[in-house]
Amino acid sequence: MLKVFDLQGIRRRSVVSVRKVLTIFRRFVGERLKLREGSGSIGNDDVLDALLNISLEDGKIEMDKDEIEHLLLNIFVAGTDTSTYTLEWAMAELMHNPEIMSKVQNELEQVVGKGISVEETDIAKLPYMQAVIKETFRVHPPVPLLLPRKAETDVEIGDYIIPKDAQVLVNAWVIGRDPSKWENPNVFVPERFFNSEIDFKGQHFELIPFGSGRRICPGLPLAIRMLPLMLGSLVNCFDWRLEDGLNVDDLNKEDEYGITLEKSQPVRIVPIKLSKQ
């Protein structure tokens, strides 16, 4: 009965936050429309331009500005939510494996300098940290069951027939732990990606946390840029220790299975600010 009263103000704050984000997207849409009108070009040929092209196709309004703004909100929320969980899992694995944490810290200190935030131009020079992110995607895919697909015709895959109109769910969590594809699949080993061409951009089906093909997750470019920046800056600008009374064996690595793969318990660690060197 008390749910309708919103005693903690969560729904009210949520509405305020959504309005703020929609205001930002509304400004983006308006600026892009002005740019297109002034230059006569279609703009940057990105997601926003594709949506605007649909809305103006053949002079008909197939999708209005309000729908575009809310669709952008959905993409933004989905991308930030999954990136947050991936970042938390990466930090949990680094705390659980101090030797891996030391390797990441040493690489960052040599390339960026201790206590300095990571820039986008640094990412290509940080192969070990990139391997840590790949290994995190393998062991803890942000969406364990990829979005459903529907078979348009009967499809034969190996010894199986997928009938027309069947709904198909790809289990990225199981694929990442398949012992026929991965040695010691339940062990966190970033080095497995050294001298390997395997990537998570949809071309190697043993690692597809974002899916593959035409309907690959549109948040992939955002994740590729943001995760190294966030993880690298957290590790390089702070030293980390467990809460008082905890040791490595106390770290909970159980997941809470749902649409997204979040930790069943949050990582309980304490940051210590490092000075720049």
Foldseek 3Di string as FASTA:
>chain_A
DCPVVCVVCPVVVVVVVLVVQLVVVLVVLVVQVVVCVVPVDLPPPAPSSVQVCQCCPPNHGPDDPVRSSVVVVVLVVVLVVLLVQLLQLLVLLCQLPVVLLVVLQVQCCVQPFFQDFDDLVSVVSRLSVVLSSQLSCLQFQFFQKPDKDFACAWDDDPPDIDHHRDIDIDGSNCLSQPCVVDPPSNDRDSCVCVVHPDDQAAPDVSGPSQHHDPPGRSSVVVSVRPNCRVNSNQSRFWDKDADPPDGSVPRQPDWDDDRTTHRPDGGGMDTHGDDTD
